[in-house]
N, C-alpha and C. Protein backbone atom coordinates (compact mmCIF):
# COMPACT_ATOMS: atom_id res chain seq x y z
N MET A 1 -29.40 39.25 -14.95
CA MET A 1 -29.53 39.20 -16.51
C MET A 1 -30.84 40.23 -16.22
N GLU A 2 -31.70 40.39 -15.48
CA GLU A 2 -32.44 41.67 -15.44
C GLU A 2 -31.99 43.15 -15.69
N CYS A 3 -30.91 43.01 -14.66
CA CYS A 3 -30.00 44.62 -14.74
C CYS A 3 -29.40 44.80 -16.12
N LEU A 4 -28.98 43.86 -16.81
CA LEU A 4 -28.39 43.82 -18.18
C LEU A 4 -29.07 44.34 -19.21
N HIS A 5 -30.30 43.97 -18.78
CA HIS A 5 -31.17 44.05 -19.99
C HIS A 5 -32.03 45.01 -19.61
N ASN A 6 -31.98 45.59 -18.63
CA ASN A 6 -32.95 46.68 -17.91
C ASN A 6 -34.52 46.76 -18.42
N THR A 7 -34.96 45.10 -18.37
CA THR A 7 -36.49 45.11 -18.31
C THR A 7 -36.30 43.90 -17.77
N PRO A 8 -37.64 43.50 -17.05
CA PRO A 8 -37.97 42.31 -16.35
C PRO A 8 -38.21 41.08 -17.15
N LEU A 9 -37.70 39.75 -16.54
CA LEU A 9 -37.76 38.69 -17.46
C LEU A 9 -39.06 38.63 -17.67
N HIS A 10 -39.56 37.60 -18.46
CA HIS A 10 -40.35 36.86 -18.45
C HIS A 10 -40.99 35.93 -17.39
N ILE A 11 -42.18 36.30 -17.04
CA ILE A 11 -42.69 35.63 -15.50
C ILE A 11 -42.59 34.05 -15.65
N ASN A 12 -42.52 33.39 -16.90
CA ASN A 12 -42.22 31.84 -16.78
C ASN A 12 -41.07 31.66 -16.05
N ILE A 13 -39.71 32.58 -16.35
CA ILE A 13 -38.73 32.44 -15.74
C ILE A 13 -38.59 32.75 -14.28
N HIS A 14 -39.15 33.45 -14.12
CA HIS A 14 -39.27 33.91 -12.37
C HIS A 14 -40.05 32.33 -11.98
N THR A 15 -41.17 31.93 -12.74
CA THR A 15 -41.74 30.71 -11.89
C THR A 15 -41.05 29.51 -12.00
N ALA A 16 -40.15 29.14 -13.20
CA ALA A 16 -39.23 28.32 -12.97
C ALA A 16 -38.12 28.55 -11.91
N LEU A 17 -37.47 29.82 -11.58
CA LEU A 17 -36.89 29.80 -10.16
C LEU A 17 -37.75 29.41 -9.10
N ASN A 18 -38.91 29.84 -8.68
CA ASN A 18 -39.42 29.57 -7.67
C ASN A 18 -39.65 27.93 -7.56
N ARG A 19 -40.17 27.38 -8.52
CA ARG A 19 -40.36 26.31 -8.50
C ARG A 19 -39.25 24.99 -8.02
N ASN A 20 -37.96 25.73 -8.96
CA ASN A 20 -36.74 24.73 -8.21
C ASN A 20 -36.50 25.02 -7.28
N HIS A 21 -36.61 26.30 -6.50
CA HIS A 21 -36.14 26.40 -4.96
C HIS A 21 -36.84 25.94 -4.01
N MET A 22 -38.52 25.82 -4.60
CA MET A 22 -38.96 24.89 -3.55
C MET A 22 -38.89 23.34 -3.64
N ALA A 23 -38.49 22.85 -4.76
CA ALA A 23 -38.21 21.68 -4.92
C ALA A 23 -36.68 21.36 -4.10
N ILE A 24 -35.88 21.94 -3.91
CA ILE A 24 -34.71 22.00 -3.23
C ILE A 24 -35.25 21.92 -1.96
N CYS A 25 -35.91 22.79 -1.44
CA CYS A 25 -36.47 22.69 -0.13
C CYS A 25 -36.97 21.43 0.28
N ILE A 26 -37.77 21.06 -0.45
CA ILE A 26 -38.64 20.00 -0.29
C ILE A 26 -37.62 18.90 -0.24
N THR A 27 -36.67 18.55 -0.85
CA THR A 27 -35.66 17.62 -1.01
C THR A 27 -35.18 17.73 0.10
N GLN A 28 -34.67 18.84 0.65
CA GLN A 28 -33.94 18.86 2.06
C GLN A 28 -34.64 18.31 3.35
N ALA A 29 -36.06 18.80 3.10
CA ALA A 29 -36.74 18.21 4.11
C ALA A 29 -37.20 16.85 4.22
N ARG A 30 -36.90 16.15 3.13
CA ARG A 30 -37.06 14.91 2.99
C ARG A 30 -35.95 14.23 3.70
N ARG A 31 -35.09 14.73 3.11
CA ARG A 31 -33.57 13.99 3.50
C ARG A 31 -33.35 13.83 4.95
N LYS A 32 -33.81 15.35 5.55
CA LYS A 32 -33.44 15.36 7.02
C LYS A 32 -34.80 14.54 7.60
N GLU A 33 -35.82 14.32 7.18
CA GLU A 33 -36.72 13.00 7.61
C GLU A 33 -36.16 11.79 7.46
N GLU A 34 -35.58 11.68 6.40
CA GLU A 34 -35.13 10.34 6.38
C GLU A 34 -34.20 9.95 7.41
N ILE A 35 -33.12 10.78 7.73
CA ILE A 35 -32.05 10.64 8.50
C ILE A 35 -32.40 10.74 9.76
N ALA A 36 -33.52 11.69 10.23
CA ALA A 36 -34.24 11.36 11.63
C ALA A 36 -34.80 10.25 11.65
N ASN A 37 -35.56 9.57 10.95
CA ASN A 37 -36.27 8.33 10.97
C ASN A 37 -35.38 7.27 11.05
N MET A 38 -34.40 7.42 10.46
CA MET A 38 -33.36 6.22 10.59
C MET A 38 -32.96 6.04 11.94
N SER A 39 -32.33 6.85 12.30
CA SER A 39 -32.10 6.85 13.90
C SER A 39 -32.92 6.58 14.97
N LYS A 40 -34.04 6.90 14.77
CA LYS A 40 -35.26 6.49 15.45
C LYS A 40 -35.60 4.85 15.26
N HIS A 41 -35.65 4.57 13.68
CA HIS A 41 -36.15 3.25 13.80
C HIS A 41 -34.70 2.53 13.56
N GLN A 42 -33.64 2.77 13.90
CA GLN A 42 -32.69 1.49 14.40
C GLN A 42 -33.18 1.08 15.58
N ARG A 43 -33.35 1.54 16.53
CA ARG A 43 -33.74 0.88 18.04
C ARG A 43 -34.77 0.43 17.90
N GLN A 44 -35.84 0.72 16.55
CA GLN A 44 -37.26 -0.08 16.85
C GLN A 44 -37.34 -0.88 15.75
N ARG A 45 -36.42 -1.17 14.90
CA ARG A 45 -36.43 -1.93 13.65
C ARG A 45 -37.44 -2.00 12.73
N ALA A 46 -37.83 -1.06 12.60
CA ALA A 46 -39.24 -0.82 11.72
C ALA A 46 -38.59 -0.37 10.29
N HIS A 47 -38.88 -1.65 9.10
CA HIS A 47 -38.46 -1.59 7.86
C HIS A 47 -39.47 -0.69 7.13
N PHE A 48 -40.62 -0.61 7.49
CA PHE A 48 -41.94 -0.10 6.37
C PHE A 48 -41.69 1.31 6.43
N THR A 49 -41.50 1.96 7.53
CA THR A 49 -41.31 3.69 7.37
C THR A 49 -40.19 3.95 6.98
N GLU A 50 -39.04 2.91 6.93
CA GLU A 50 -37.91 3.44 6.20
C GLU A 50 -38.04 3.32 4.47
N ASP A 51 -38.78 2.11 3.94
CA ASP A 51 -39.30 2.37 2.71
C ASP A 51 -39.97 3.37 2.38
N ARG A 52 -41.05 3.87 3.33
CA ARG A 52 -41.83 4.71 3.10
C ARG A 52 -40.81 6.19 2.74
N ASP A 53 -39.81 6.30 3.90
CA ASP A 53 -38.92 7.71 3.69
C ASP A 53 -38.39 7.67 2.61
N THR A 54 -37.72 6.47 2.08
CA THR A 54 -36.87 6.22 0.75
C THR A 54 -37.62 6.49 -0.57
N LEU A 55 -38.90 6.33 -0.35
CA LEU A 55 -39.86 6.64 -1.34
C LEU A 55 -40.20 7.68 -1.74
N LEU A 56 -40.20 8.66 -0.47
CA LEU A 56 -40.94 10.28 -0.41
C LEU A 56 -39.55 10.73 -1.10
N LEU A 57 -38.22 10.38 -0.50
CA LEU A 57 -37.06 10.81 -1.02
C LEU A 57 -36.96 10.93 -2.48
N VAL A 58 -37.06 9.82 -2.79
CA VAL A 58 -36.92 9.25 -4.35
C VAL A 58 -37.69 10.49 -5.33
N ILE A 59 -38.80 10.53 -4.76
CA ILE A 59 -39.90 11.86 -5.52
C ILE A 59 -39.55 12.97 -5.89
N ALA A 60 -39.12 13.16 -4.38
CA ALA A 60 -38.55 14.32 -4.26
C ALA A 60 -37.22 14.83 -5.32
N LEU A 61 -36.43 13.71 -5.43
CA LEU A 61 -35.31 13.68 -5.98
C LEU A 61 -35.56 13.89 -7.73
N LYS A 62 -36.53 13.05 -7.86
CA LYS A 62 -36.91 13.21 -9.39
C LYS A 62 -37.90 14.43 -9.56
N ASP A 63 -38.73 15.22 -8.92
CA ASP A 63 -38.90 16.61 -9.15
C ASP A 63 -37.88 17.36 -9.31
N LEU A 64 -36.98 17.32 -8.43
CA LEU A 64 -35.80 18.16 -8.36
C LEU A 64 -35.26 18.11 -9.76
N ALA A 65 -34.78 17.14 -10.31
CA ALA A 65 -34.15 16.88 -11.40
C ALA A 65 -35.13 17.59 -12.64
N ALA A 66 -36.59 17.00 -12.43
CA ALA A 66 -37.30 18.06 -13.73
C ALA A 66 -37.40 19.40 -13.66
N THR A 67 -37.55 20.00 -12.27
CA THR A 67 -37.44 21.19 -12.01
C THR A 67 -36.13 21.77 -12.64
N THR A 68 -35.11 21.42 -12.50
CA THR A 68 -33.64 21.71 -12.48
C THR A 68 -33.44 21.64 -14.42
N ARG A 69 -33.79 20.87 -14.90
CA ARG A 69 -34.35 20.75 -16.36
C ARG A 69 -34.98 22.27 -16.81
N LYS A 70 -36.12 22.46 -16.34
CA LYS A 70 -36.70 23.30 -16.85
C LYS A 70 -36.20 24.49 -16.58
N LEU A 71 -35.71 24.83 -15.54
CA LEU A 71 -34.81 25.88 -15.10
C LEU A 71 -33.73 26.33 -15.89
N ARG A 72 -32.83 25.20 -16.19
CA ARG A 72 -31.80 25.46 -16.86
C ARG A 72 -32.49 25.92 -18.29
N THR A 73 -33.52 25.57 -19.13
CA THR A 73 -33.93 25.76 -20.38
C THR A 73 -34.38 27.63 -20.20
N ALA A 74 -34.99 27.73 -18.84
CA ALA A 74 -35.48 29.06 -18.74
C ALA A 74 -34.39 29.93 -18.81
N LEU A 75 -33.52 29.80 -17.86
CA LEU A 75 -32.05 30.41 -17.83
C LEU A 75 -31.69 31.06 -19.15
N TRP A 76 -31.62 29.62 -19.87
CA TRP A 76 -30.90 29.73 -21.27
C TRP A 76 -31.77 30.98 -22.20
N CYS A 77 -32.98 30.81 -21.94
CA CYS A 77 -33.89 31.61 -22.71
C CYS A 77 -33.55 33.19 -22.48
N ALA A 78 -33.30 33.25 -20.58
CA ALA A 78 -33.29 34.59 -20.61
C ALA A 78 -31.77 35.06 -20.99
N LEU A 79 -30.74 34.07 -20.88
CA LEU A 79 -29.22 34.85 -21.52
C LEU A 79 -29.66 35.28 -23.05
N GLN A 80 -30.30 34.46 -23.86
CA GLN A 80 -30.54 34.73 -25.32
C GLN A 80 -31.28 36.07 -25.50
N MET A 81 -32.02 36.20 -24.33
CA MET A 81 -32.82 37.72 -24.54
C MET A 81 -31.86 38.74 -23.98
N THR A 82 -31.16 38.50 -23.02
CA THR A 82 -30.17 39.30 -22.57
C THR A 82 -28.58 40.06 -23.56
N LEU A 83 -28.42 38.78 -24.29
CA LEU A 83 -27.05 38.89 -24.88
C LEU A 83 -27.33 39.99 -26.03
N PRO A 84 -26.44 40.87 -26.21
CA PRO A 84 -26.58 42.04 -27.59
C PRO A 84 -26.66 41.41 -28.75
N LYS A 85 -27.26 41.91 -29.65
CA LYS A 85 -27.56 41.44 -30.93
C LYS A 85 -26.24 41.23 -31.79
N PRO A 86 -26.25 40.54 -32.64
CA PRO A 86 -24.66 40.57 -33.34
C PRO A 86 -24.32 41.49 -34.53
N VAL A 87 -23.33 42.13 -34.65
CA VAL A 87 -23.25 43.21 -35.50
C VAL A 87 -23.16 42.44 -36.93
N LYS A 88 -23.97 43.03 -37.90
CA LYS A 88 -24.14 42.49 -39.28
C LYS A 88 -22.73 42.97 -39.76
N GLY A 89 -21.89 42.02 -40.19
CA GLY A 89 -21.19 42.14 -41.17
C GLY A 89 -21.21 41.82 -42.57
N GLN A 90 -20.16 42.01 -43.30
CA GLN A 90 -20.18 41.64 -44.85
C GLN A 90 -20.41 40.35 -45.05
N ASP A 91 -21.27 39.90 -45.99
CA ASP A 91 -21.40 38.59 -46.49
C ASP A 91 -20.77 38.33 -47.45
N HIS A 92 -19.81 37.54 -47.67
CA HIS A 92 -18.82 37.74 -48.74
C HIS A 92 -19.38 36.00 -49.57
N HIS A 93 -19.92 35.45 -49.04
CA HIS A 93 -20.76 34.28 -49.52
C HIS A 93 -21.82 34.38 -50.45
N VAL A 94 -22.92 35.33 -50.28
CA VAL A 94 -23.94 35.50 -50.89
C VAL A 94 -23.99 36.83 -51.49
N ASN A 95 -23.92 37.00 -52.85
CA ASN A 95 -24.47 38.26 -53.41
C ASN A 95 -25.84 38.65 -53.50
N LYS A 96 -26.32 39.54 -52.76
CA LYS A 96 -27.49 39.89 -52.80
C LYS A 96 -28.06 40.28 -54.24
N GLU A 97 -27.11 41.11 -55.12
CA GLU A 97 -27.51 41.44 -56.42
C GLU A 97 -27.81 40.44 -57.13
N ALA A 98 -26.82 39.28 -57.11
CA ALA A 98 -26.92 38.12 -57.76
C ALA A 98 -28.44 37.35 -57.43
N THR A 99 -28.64 37.36 -56.33
CA THR A 99 -29.67 36.32 -56.02
C THR A 99 -31.11 36.92 -56.59
N GLY A 100 -31.27 38.49 -56.52
CA GLY A 100 -32.30 39.24 -57.06
C GLY A 100 -33.53 39.01 -56.12
N ALA A 101 -33.15 38.88 -54.81
CA ALA A 101 -34.33 39.05 -53.73
C ALA A 101 -33.57 39.49 -52.50
N GLU A 102 -34.28 40.35 -51.91
CA GLU A 102 -33.88 40.82 -50.71
C GLU A 102 -34.63 40.10 -49.45
N ARG A 103 -33.46 39.45 -48.53
CA ARG A 103 -34.14 38.56 -47.92
C ARG A 103 -34.42 39.43 -46.40
N CYS A 104 -35.41 38.81 -45.76
CA CYS A 104 -35.84 39.48 -44.20
C CYS A 104 -35.02 39.23 -43.64
N PRO A 105 -34.15 40.04 -42.33
CA PRO A 105 -33.67 39.64 -41.60
C PRO A 105 -33.80 38.94 -40.41
N SER A 106 -33.34 37.71 -40.18
CA SER A 106 -33.67 36.80 -39.58
C SER A 106 -33.10 37.24 -37.72
N PRO A 107 -34.06 36.93 -36.82
CA PRO A 107 -33.60 37.42 -35.59
C PRO A 107 -32.82 36.29 -34.90
N PHE A 108 -32.58 35.38 -35.64
CA PHE A 108 -31.34 34.48 -35.17
C PHE A 108 -30.25 34.46 -35.86
N GLU A 109 -29.78 35.58 -37.11
CA GLU A 109 -29.03 36.00 -38.03
C GLU A 109 -27.73 35.87 -36.95
N GLY A 110 -26.23 35.01 -37.21
CA GLY A 110 -25.37 35.14 -36.42
C GLY A 110 -25.06 34.15 -35.15
N TYR A 111 -26.09 33.81 -34.86
CA TYR A 111 -26.28 32.76 -33.75
C TYR A 111 -26.51 31.34 -34.33
N SER A 112 -25.52 30.31 -33.79
CA SER A 112 -25.65 29.11 -34.26
C SER A 112 -26.18 28.16 -33.28
N PHE A 113 -27.61 27.27 -33.67
CA PHE A 113 -28.08 26.68 -32.85
C PHE A 113 -27.80 25.16 -33.19
N LYS A 114 -27.80 24.06 -32.25
CA LYS A 114 -27.81 22.91 -32.40
C LYS A 114 -28.61 21.86 -31.58
N LEU A 115 -29.24 21.15 -32.18
CA LEU A 115 -30.70 20.54 -31.33
C LEU A 115 -30.05 18.99 -31.24
């Protein structure tokens, strides 16, 4: 998107990408630890460390879900900044002379947003 826009994206977008990458790496490491400890504990029959490993994995997954939501929002914002402005066409529904007032052009004119 930076290449399409010919300007660097906002630092918050890069921060969201880095945090999401870090969360992915932490989740992968927790899962590897859990698998390694499961095979080790099957021989020893220790249940406490299995619960601890599971809890750490759950926390990592929760963090991954949160950073993924934030990253999706940041990438949507980057896309909106990258998209070309819509071409203003003739508005057949509103007659500017009939209203008697000039409207200021909105930066969101032509886009449809739903919350």
